Amino acid sequence: MRIWAIANQKGGVGKTTSALCLARCLADLGHRVLLVDLDPHGSLSRAFGVAAEPPPKGTFDLFNGESIASVARATGQADIQLVAAQAAMATLERRSATQPGLGLALHRALVNADADYDFALLDCPPTLSLLLVNALAACDRLVVPTQTDPLALHGLEGMLRTAAMVERSRGRALVRQILPTLYDRRTRTSHETLEQLNTYPGVSVCPWPIPMDTRLRDAASLATQPRHLAGRGINAYRDALQWLLETADARPQEAAA
């Protein structure tokens, strides 16, 4: 199973949309996909119609030793299952001070589910937290959706510093790749930001930026629409996925070349 963390320490850059669209595109190719909602706000879970109350079984239970098989649920989309967010996830930071080993809880759960899925996509919270560290410790690839706006570069820089820190701690390489989002080819700002993204060392930038597309704003439609998704935004995600698959086995220095 390949594990991709979809993460950025800035909100509003398209993390949940990217996780949804990449999952749908992977499933269209026949891959078995697991989506894990690591954000206590649960936007991904709400998109699939999972209610916050009563609390569903989900991600928090993985930190109590339950298996992915016991908490994953069908989504209504062929080949896509979901581990839903729970409000109790917000309490994990306090537990981590007195309960060693929580930083690898997600890694252990995914290792035990390796044979059940081809891909696991981790939709991460926009903060440096135990949940984000778990995702970075577990994944073999970090995909950083980054809005093509100068203000978004600050979140990117923080995310890359965190990734480097976790990489040193876990003792194995972590491929880091940038997925430009909310790209408006009509503006000079988008062009200049895209050029700047390509100057970051140790990362590679997807050559297929995701354009602004109003059809990508309806997460529930992206999650539950039964027919083949269409539009320039989803087509850009298909191109981005092809690039991600083609570079799947690259080491960090190769991916940045």
C-alpha atoms as a PDB file:
ATOM      1  CA  MET A   1       0.000   0.000   0.000  1.00  0.00           C
ATOM      2  CA  ARG A   2       1.259   3.452  -0.884  1.00  0.00           C
ATOM      3  CA  ILE A   3       0.555   6.091   1.746  1.00  0.00           C
ATOM      4  CA  TRP A   4       0.259   9.740   0.761  1.00  0.00           C
ATOM      5  CA  ALA A   5      -0.165  12.525   3.310  1.00  0.00           C
ATOM      6  CA  ILE A   6      -2.090  15.477   1.870  1.00  0.00           C
ATOM      7  CA  ALA A   7      -0.903  18.257   4.133  1.00  0.00           C
ATOM      8  CA  ASN A   8      -0.132  21.939   4.524  1.00  0.00           C
ATOM      9  CA  GLN A   9       0.113  24.005   7.703  1.00  0.00           C
ATOM     10  CA  LYS A  10      -2.077  26.661   6.083  1.00  0.00           C
ATOM     11  CA  GLY A  11      -5.804  26.285   5.686  1.00  0.00           C
ATOM     12  CA  GLY A  12      -7.843  27.009   2.579  1.00  0.00           C
ATOM     13  CA  VAL A  13      -5.331  25.635   0.076  1.00  0.00           C
ATOM     14  CA  GLY A  14      -7.407  22.675  -1.136  1.00  0.00           C
ATOM     15  CA  LYS A  15      -6.236  19.763   1.026  1.00  0.00           C
ATOM     16  CA  THR A  16      -9.625  18.064   1.370  1.00  0.00           C
ATOM     17  CA  THR A  17     -10.540  18.773  -2.256  1.00  0.00           C
ATOM     18  CA  SER A  18      -7.208  17.308  -3.353  1.00  0.00           C
ATOM     19  CA  ALA A  19      -7.668  14.187  -1.215  1.00  0.00           C
ATOM     20  CA  LEU A  20     -11.177  13.702  -2.609  1.00  0.00           C
ATOM     21  CA  CYS A  21     -10.261  14.241  -6.249  1.00  0.00           C
ATOM     22  CA  LEU A  22      -7.120  12.130  -6.126  1.00  0.00           C
ATOM     23  CA  ALA A  23      -9.082   9.332  -4.430  1.00  0.00           C
ATOM     24  CA  ARG A  24     -11.808   9.461  -7.072  1.00  0.00           C
ATOM     25  CA  CYS A  25      -9.209   9.447  -9.873  1.00  0.00           C
ATOM     26  CA  LEU A  26      -7.333   6.512  -8.305  1.00  0.00           C
ATOM     27  CA  ALA A  27     -10.576   4.559  -7.959  1.00  0.00           C
ATOM     28  CA  ASP A  28     -11.412   5.297 -11.608  1.00  0.00           C
ATOM     29  CA  LEU A  29      -8.148   3.529 -12.454  1.00  0.00           C
ATOM     30  CA  GLY A  30      -9.246   0.484 -10.464  1.00  0.00           C
ATOM     31  CA  HIS A  31      -7.197   1.071  -7.307  1.00  0.00           C
ATOM     32  CA  ARG A  32      -8.535   0.270  -3.825  1.00  0.00           C
ATOM     33  CA  VAL A  33      -8.340   3.519  -1.858  1.00  0.00           C
ATOM     34  CA  LEU A  34      -8.543   4.280   1.855  1.00  0.00           C
ATOM     35  CA  LEU A  35      -9.235   7.888   2.878  1.00  0.00           C
ATOM     36  CA  VAL A  36      -8.305   8.799   6.461  1.00  0.00           C
ATOM     37  CA  ASP A  37      -9.774  12.020   7.871  1.00  0.00           C
ATOM     38  CA  LEU A  38      -7.222  13.375  10.354  1.00  0.00           C
ATOM     39  CA  ASP A  39      -8.802  16.807  10.753  1.00  0.00           C
ATOM     40  CA  PRO A  40     -10.992  17.131  13.885  1.00  0.00           C
ATOM     41  CA  HIS A  41     -13.222  19.521  11.912  1.00  0.00           C
ATOM     42  CA  GLY A  42     -14.141  16.548   9.719  1.00  0.00           C
ATOM     43  CA  SER A  43     -14.727  18.296   6.399  1.00  0.00           C
ATOM     44  CA  LEU A  44     -13.895  15.130   4.472  1.00  0.00           C
ATOM     45  CA  SER A  45     -16.234  13.058   6.629  1.00  0.00           C
ATOM     46  CA  ARG A  46     -19.059  15.586   6.275  1.00  0.00           C
ATOM     47  CA  ALA A  47     -18.600  15.521   2.494  1.00  0.00           C
ATOM     48  CA  PHE A  48     -19.397  11.812   2.566  1.00  0.00           C
ATOM     49  CA  GLY A  49     -22.465  12.447   4.741  1.00  0.00           C
ATOM     50  CA  VAL A  50     -20.985  11.136   8.003  1.00  0.00           C
ATOM     51  CA  ALA A  51     -22.719  12.986  10.846  1.00  0.00           C
ATOM     52  CA  ALA A  52     -20.730  14.347  13.783  1.00  0.00           C
ATOM     53  CA  GLU A  53     -23.399  13.150  16.221  1.00  0.00           C
ATOM     54  CA  PRO A  54     -23.686  10.511  17.401  1.00  0.00           C
ATOM     55  CA  PRO A  55     -19.887  10.178  17.180  1.00  0.00           C
ATOM     56  CA  PRO A  56     -18.997   7.669  14.462  1.00  0.00           C
ATOM     57  CA  LYS A  57     -16.306   5.058  14.773  1.00  0.00           C
ATOM     58  CA  GLY A  58     -13.205   6.410  13.137  1.00  0.00           C
ATOM     59  CA  THR A  59      -9.736   7.873  13.415  1.00  0.00           C
ATOM     60  CA  PHE A  60      -9.709   8.421  17.186  1.00  0.00           C
ATOM     61  CA  ASP A  61     -10.312   4.701  17.694  1.00  0.00           C
ATOM     62  CA  LEU A  62      -7.059   3.905  15.875  1.00  0.00           C
ATOM     63  CA  PHE A  63      -5.235   5.636  18.744  1.00  0.00           C
ATOM     64  CA  ASN A  64      -6.989   3.257  21.139  1.00  0.00           C
ATOM     65  CA  GLY A  65      -5.603   0.237  19.329  1.00  0.00           C
ATOM     66  CA  GLU A  66      -8.541  -0.590  17.061  1.00  0.00           C
ATOM     67  CA  SER A  67      -7.837  -1.809  13.549  1.00  0.00           C
ATOM     68  CA  ILE A  68      -8.647  -0.033  10.310  1.00  0.00           C
ATOM     69  CA  ALA A  69     -10.846  -2.984   9.369  1.00  0.00           C
ATOM     70  CA  SER A  70     -13.033  -2.281  12.405  1.00  0.00           C
ATOM     71  CA  VAL A  71     -13.541   1.436  11.704  1.00  0.00           C
ATOM     72  CA  ALA A  72     -13.378   1.871   7.901  1.00  0.00           C
ATOM     73  CA  ARG A  73     -16.722   2.438   6.230  1.00  0.00           C
ATOM     74  CA  ALA A  74     -18.090   2.286   2.713  1.00  0.00           C
ATOM     75  CA  THR A  75     -18.512   5.633   0.963  1.00  0.00           C
ATOM     76  CA  GLY A  76     -20.933   4.743  -1.808  1.00  0.00           C
ATOM     77  CA  GLN A  77     -18.037   5.029  -4.263  1.00  0.00           C
ATOM     78  CA  ALA A  78     -16.630   1.805  -5.638  1.00  0.00           C
ATOM     79  CA  ASP A  79     -13.159   1.020  -4.287  1.00  0.00           C
ATOM     80  CA  ILE A  80     -13.102   3.927  -1.780  1.00  0.00           C
ATOM     81  CA  GLN A  81     -13.423   3.471   1.982  1.00  0.00           C
ATOM     82  CA  LEU A  82     -13.248   6.132   4.688  1.00  0.00           C
ATOM     83  CA  VAL A  83     -11.980   6.324   8.242  1.00  0.00           C
ATOM     84  CA  ALA A  84     -14.062   9.203   9.596  1.00  0.00           C
ATOM     85  CA  ALA A  85     -12.969  12.069  11.833  1.00  0.00           C
ATOM     86  CA  GLN A  86     -14.182  12.321  15.419  1.00  0.00           C
ATOM     87  CA  ALA A  87     -14.338  15.361  17.680  1.00  0.00           C
ATOM     88  CA  ALA A  88     -12.441  13.400  20.353  1.00  0.00           C
ATOM     89  CA  MET A  89      -9.331  13.620  18.156  1.00  0.00           C
ATOM     90  CA  ALA A  90      -8.795  17.093  19.612  1.00  0.00           C
ATOM     91  CA  THR A  91      -7.962  15.492  22.980  1.00  0.00           C
ATOM     92  CA  LEU A  92      -5.004  13.514  21.665  1.00  0.00           C
ATOM     93  CA  GLU A  93      -2.502  16.302  22.288  1.00  0.00           C
ATOM     94  CA  ARG A  94      -3.098  16.065  26.041  1.00  0.00           C
ATOM     95  CA  ARG A  95      -2.806  12.285  25.985  1.00  0.00           C
ATOM     96  CA  SER A  96       0.503  12.379  24.141  1.00  0.00           C
ATOM     97  CA  ALA A  97       2.232  13.937  27.162  1.00  0.00           C
ATOM     98  CA  THR A  98       1.568  10.884  29.315  1.00  0.00           C
ATOM     99  CA  GLN A  99       1.098   8.073  26.793  1.00  0.00           C
ATOM    100  CA  PRO A 100       4.255   7.211  24.832  1.00  0.00           C
ATOM    101  CA  GLY A 101       3.960   5.736  21.368  1.00  0.00           C
ATOM    102  CA  LEU A 102       1.014   7.776  20.137  1.00  0.00           C
ATOM    103  CA  GLY A 103       3.196   9.326  17.441  1.00  0.00           C
ATOM    104  CA  LEU A 104       3.292   5.977  15.622  1.00  0.00           C
ATOM    105  CA  ALA A 105      -0.303   4.844  16.198  1.00  0.00           C
ATOM    106  CA  LEU A 106      -1.404   5.564  12.646  1.00  0.00           C
ATOM    107  CA  HIS A 107       1.704   3.914  11.214  1.00  0.00           C
ATOM    108  CA  ARG A 108       0.943   0.710  13.116  1.00  0.00           C
ATOM    109  CA  ALA A 109      -2.690   0.684  11.992  1.00  0.00           C
ATOM    110  CA  LEU A 110      -1.770   1.187   8.341  1.00  0.00           C
ATOM    111  CA  VAL A 111       0.932  -1.492   8.415  1.00  0.00           C
ATOM    112  CA  ASN A 112      -1.675  -3.982   9.596  1.00  0.00           C
ATOM    113  CA  ALA A 113      -4.014  -2.986   6.732  1.00  0.00           C
ATOM    114  CA  ASP A 114      -1.346  -3.077   4.032  1.00  0.00           C
ATOM    115  CA  ALA A 115      -2.905  -5.932   2.067  1.00  0.00           C
ATOM    116  CA  ASP A 116      -6.395  -4.420   1.999  1.00  0.00           C
ATOM    117  CA  TYR A 117      -5.743  -1.278  -0.063  1.00  0.00           C
ATOM    118  CA  ASP A 118      -3.526  -0.046  -2.872  1.00  0.00           C
ATOM    119  CA  PHE A 119      -3.414   3.543  -1.619  1.00  0.00           C
ATOM    120  CA  ALA A 120      -4.109   5.379   1.632  1.00  0.00           C
ATOM    121  CA  LEU A 121      -4.649   9.145   1.401  1.00  0.00           C
ATOM    122  CA  LEU A 122      -4.366  11.035   4.688  1.00  0.00           C
ATOM    123  CA  ASP A 123      -6.302  14.319   4.842  1.00  0.00           C
ATOM    124  CA  CYS A 124      -4.327  16.269   7.462  1.00  0.00           C
ATOM    125  CA  PRO A 125      -5.248  19.187   9.752  1.00  0.00           C
ATOM    126  CA  PRO A 126      -3.739  22.615   8.946  1.00  0.00           C
ATOM    127  CA  THR A 127      -1.743  22.753  12.184  1.00  0.00           C
ATOM    128  CA  LEU A 128       1.446  21.276  13.586  1.00  0.00           C
ATOM    129  CA  SER A 129      -0.048  18.619  15.840  1.00  0.00           C
ATOM    130  CA  LEU A 130       0.186  14.999  16.918  1.00  0.00           C
ATOM    131  CA  LEU A 131      -2.176  14.095  14.073  1.00  0.00           C
ATOM    132  CA  LEU A 132       0.037  15.743  11.460  1.00  0.00           C
ATOM    133  CA  VAL A 133       3.159  14.144  12.936  1.00  0.00           C
ATOM    134  CA  ASN A 134       1.409  10.752  12.800  1.00  0.00           C
ATOM    135  CA  ALA A 135       0.665  11.276   9.113  1.00  0.00           C
ATOM    136  CA  LEU A 136       4.248  12.254   8.312  1.00  0.00           C
ATOM    137  CA  ALA A 137       5.622   9.326  10.306  1.00  0.00           C
ATOM    138  CA  ALA A 138       3.347   6.901   8.441  1.00  0.00           C
ATOM    139  CA  CYS A 139       3.508   8.155   4.856  1.00  0.00           C
ATOM    140  CA  ASP A 140       5.984   7.484   2.080  1.00  0.00           C
ATOM    141  CA  ARG A 141       5.036  10.660   0.209  1.00  0.00           C
ATOM    142  CA  LEU A 142       4.031  14.154   1.268  1.00  0.00           C
ATOM    143  CA  VAL A 143       1.796  15.996  -1.195  1.00  0.00           C
ATOM    144  CA  VAL A 144       1.523  19.683  -0.280  1.00  0.00           C
ATOM    145  CA  PRO A 145      -1.412  21.481  -1.952  1.00  0.00           C
ATOM    146  CA  THR A 146      -0.280  25.103  -2.163  1.00  0.00           C
ATOM    147  CA  GLN A 147      -2.390  28.001  -3.344  1.00  0.00           C
ATOM    148  CA  THR A 148      -0.649  30.030  -6.039  1.00  0.00           C
ATOM    149  CA  ASP A 149      -0.660  33.159  -3.921  1.00  0.00           C
ATOM    150  CA  PRO A 150       2.333  34.735  -2.129  1.00  0.00           C
ATOM    151  CA  LEU A 151       0.681  34.449   1.301  1.00  0.00           C
ATOM    152  CA  ALA A 152       0.452  30.672   0.888  1.00  0.00           C
ATOM    153  CA  LEU A 153       4.235  30.386   0.703  1.00  0.00           C
ATOM    154  CA  HIS A 154       4.552  30.933   4.464  1.00  0.00           C
ATOM    155  CA  GLY A 155       2.472  27.837   5.177  1.00  0.00           C
ATOM    156  CA  LEU A 156       4.509  25.886   2.654  1.00  0.00           C
ATOM    157  CA  GLU A 157       7.789  26.847   4.298  1.00  0.00           C
ATOM    158  CA  GLY A 158       6.503  25.750   7.701  1.00  0.00           C
ATOM    159  CA  MET A 159       5.249  22.486   6.250  1.00  0.00           C
ATOM    160  CA  LEU A 160       8.596  21.710   4.639  1.00  0.00           C
ATOM    161  CA  ARG A 161      10.451  22.437   7.904  1.00  0.00           C
ATOM    162  CA  THR A 162       8.126  20.078   9.758  1.00  0.00           C
ATOM    163  CA  ALA A 163       8.593  17.399   7.101  1.00  0.00           C
ATOM    164  CA  ALA A 164      12.375  17.660   7.382  1.00  0.00           C
ATOM    165  CA  MET A 165      12.177  17.368  11.167  1.00  0.00           C
ATOM    166  CA  VAL A 166       9.989  14.250  11.024  1.00  0.00           C
ATOM    167  CA  GLU A 167      12.157  12.743   8.284  1.00  0.00           C
ATOM    168  CA  ARG A 168      15.221  13.005  10.538  1.00  0.00           C
ATOM    169  CA  SER A 169      13.308  11.485  13.434  1.00  0.00           C
ATOM    170  CA  ARG A 170      11.917   8.521  11.516  1.00  0.00           C
ATOM    171  CA  GLY A 171      15.241   7.741   9.835  1.00  0.00           C
ATOM    172  CA  ARG A 172      13.949   7.133   6.318  1.00  0.00           C
ATOM    173  CA  ALA A 173      13.403   9.321   3.287  1.00  0.00           C
ATOM    174  CA  LEU A 174      10.191  11.246   2.729  1.00  0.00           C
ATOM    175  CA  VAL A 175       9.398  12.351  -0.825  1.00  0.00           C
ATOM    176  CA  ARG A 176       8.053  15.904  -0.769  1.00  0.00           C
ATOM    177  CA  GLN A 177       6.011  17.201  -3.702  1.00  0.00           C
ATOM    178  CA  ILE A 178       4.060  20.404  -4.217  1.00  0.00           C
ATOM    179  CA  LEU A 179       0.651  20.461  -5.889  1.00  0.00           C
ATOM    180  CA  PRO A 180      -0.153  24.054  -6.975  1.00  0.00           C
ATOM    181  CA  THR A 181      -3.843  24.839  -6.461  1.00  0.00           C
ATOM    182  CA  LEU A 182      -6.327  27.653  -7.111  1.00  0.00           C
ATOM    183  CA  TYR A 183      -4.251  28.672 -10.111  1.00  0.00           C
ATOM    184  CA  ASP A 184      -5.553  31.606 -12.140  1.00  0.00           C
ATOM    185  CA  ARG A 185      -3.591  31.809 -15.380  1.00  0.00           C
ATOM    186  CA  ARG A 186      -5.033  35.286 -16.030  1.00  0.00           C
ATOM    187  CA  THR A 187      -3.108  36.869 -13.148  1.00  0.00           C
ATOM    188  CA  ARG A 188       0.556  37.715 -12.894  1.00  0.00           C
ATOM    189  CA  THR A 189       0.488  36.801  -9.194  1.00  0.00           C
ATOM    190  CA  SER A 190      -0.359  33.182  -9.968  1.00  0.00           C
ATOM    191  CA  HIS A 191       2.390  32.979 -12.600  1.00  0.00           C
ATOM    192  CA  GLU A 192       4.994  34.527 -10.299  1.00  0.00           C
ATOM    193  CA  THR A 193       4.038  32.316  -7.352  1.00  0.00           C
ATOM    194  CA  LEU A 194       4.218  29.221  -9.550  1.00  0.00           C
ATOM    195  CA  GLU A 195       7.713  30.247 -10.646  1.00  0.00           C
ATOM    196  CA  GLN A 196       8.741  30.759  -7.017  1.00  0.00           C
ATOM    197  CA  LEU A 197       7.453  27.318  -6.033  1.00  0.00           C
ATOM    198  CA  ASN A 198       9.908  25.811  -8.491  1.00  0.00           C
ATOM    199  CA  THR A 199      12.843  27.368  -6.616  1.00  0.00           C
ATOM    200  CA  TYR A 200      12.370  25.378  -3.390  1.00  0.00           C
ATOM    201  CA  PRO A 201      15.198  22.868  -2.897  1.00  0.00           C
ATOM    202  CA  GLY A 202      14.519  19.212  -2.188  1.00  0.00           C
ATOM    203  CA  VAL A 203      10.970  19.197  -3.548  1.00  0.00           C
ATOM    204  CA  SER A 204       9.359  18.760  -6.944  1.00  0.00           C
ATOM    205  CA  VAL A 205       6.429  20.763  -8.257  1.00  0.00           C
ATOM    206  CA  CYS A 206       3.608  19.233 -10.245  1.00  0.00           C
ATOM    207  CA  PRO A 207       3.702  20.663 -13.779  1.00  0.00           C
ATOM    208  CA  TRP A 208      -0.100  20.530 -13.905  1.00  0.00           C
ATOM    209  CA  PRO A 209      -1.410  23.273 -11.552  1.00  0.00           C
ATOM    210  CA  ILE A 210      -5.007  22.859 -10.442  1.00  0.00           C
ATOM    211  CA  PRO A 211      -7.037  25.768 -11.868  1.00  0.00           C
ATOM    212  CA  MET A 212      -9.727  27.707 -10.095  1.00  0.00           C
ATOM    213  CA  ASP A 213     -12.959  25.870 -10.871  1.00  0.00           C
ATOM    214  CA  THR A 214     -16.255  26.501  -9.089  1.00  0.00           C
ATOM    215  CA  ARG A 215     -17.154  22.823  -9.503  1.00  0.00           C
ATOM    216  CA  LEU A 216     -14.349  21.936  -7.082  1.00  0.00           C
ATOM    217  CA  ARG A 217     -15.942  23.972  -4.279  1.00  0.00           C
ATOM    218  CA  ASP A 218     -18.766  21.475  -3.630  1.00  0.00           C
ATOM    219  CA  ALA A 219     -17.007  18.789  -1.610  1.00  0.00           C
ATOM    220  CA  ALA A 220     -20.203  16.776  -1.136  1.00  0.00           C
ATOM    221  CA  SER A 221     -20.688  16.575  -4.889  1.00  0.00           C
ATOM    222  CA  LEU A 222     -17.074  15.507  -5.390  1.00  0.00           C
ATOM    223  CA  ALA A 223     -17.530  12.825  -2.745  1.00  0.00           C
ATOM    224  CA  THR A 224     -20.925  11.413  -3.666  1.00  0.00           C
ATOM    225  CA  GLN A 225     -21.562  12.164  -7.341  1.00  0.00           C
ATOM    226  CA  PRO A 226     -22.046   8.709  -8.826  1.00  0.00           C
ATOM    227  CA  ARG A 227     -21.090   9.418 -12.403  1.00  0.00           C
ATOM    228  CA  HIS A 228     -17.645  10.011 -13.827  1.00  0.00           C
ATOM    229  CA  LEU A 229     -16.500  13.446 -12.656  1.00  0.00           C
ATOM    230  CA  ALA A 230     -15.883  16.031 -15.366  1.00  0.00           C
ATOM    231  CA  GLY A 231     -14.584  19.572 -15.728  1.00  0.00           C
ATOM    232  CA  ARG A 232     -11.248  21.314 -16.134  1.00  0.00           C
ATOM    233  CA  GLY A 233     -10.485  21.087 -12.420  1.00  0.00           C
ATOM    234  CA  ILE A 234     -10.950  17.318 -12.160  1.00  0.00           C
ATOM    235  CA  ASN A 235      -9.112  16.878 -15.464  1.00  0.00           C
ATOM    236  CA  ALA A 236      -6.158  18.746 -13.958  1.00  0.00           C
ATOM    237  CA  TYR A 237      -6.274  16.379 -10.979  1.00  0.00           C
ATOM    238  CA  ARG A 238      -6.134  13.436 -13.389  1.00  0.00           C
ATOM    239  CA  ASP A 239      -3.012  14.923 -14.976  1.00  0.00           C
ATOM    240  CA  ALA A 240      -1.538  15.596 -11.529  1.00  0.00           C
ATOM    241  CA  LEU A 241      -2.256  12.023 -10.467  1.00  0.00           C
ATOM    242  CA  GLN A 242      -0.506  10.676 -13.542  1.00  0.00           C
ATOM    243  CA  TRP A 243       2.546  12.740 -12.617  1.00  0.00           C
ATOM    244  CA  LEU A 244       2.404  11.498  -9.023  1.00  0.00           C
ATOM    245  CA  LEU A 245       2.189   7.898 -10.187  1.00  0.00           C
ATOM    246  CA  GLU A 246       5.064   8.336 -12.613  1.00  0.00           C
ATOM    247  CA  THR A 247       7.268   9.718  -9.831  1.00  0.00           C
ATOM    248  CA  ALA A 248       6.016   7.283  -7.192  1.00  0.00           C
ATOM    249  CA  ASP A 249       9.335   5.554  -6.623  1.00  0.00           C
ATOM    250  CA  ALA A 250      11.570   8.620  -6.801  1.00  0.00           C
ATOM    251  CA  ARG A 251      13.795   9.422  -3.842  1.00  0.00           C
ATOM    252  CA  PRO A 252      13.585  13.045  -2.593  1.00  0.00           C
ATOM    253  CA  GLN A 253      16.663  14.210  -4.522  1.00  0.00           C
ATOM    254  CA  GLU A 254      15.393  12.495  -7.684  1.00  0.00           C
ATOM    255  CA  ALA A 255      11.930  14.001  -7.320  1.00  0.00           C
ATOM    256  CA  ALA A 256      13.456  17.455  -7.080  1.00  0.00           C
ATOM    257  CA  ALA A 257      15.551  17.056 -10.221  1.00  0.00           C
END
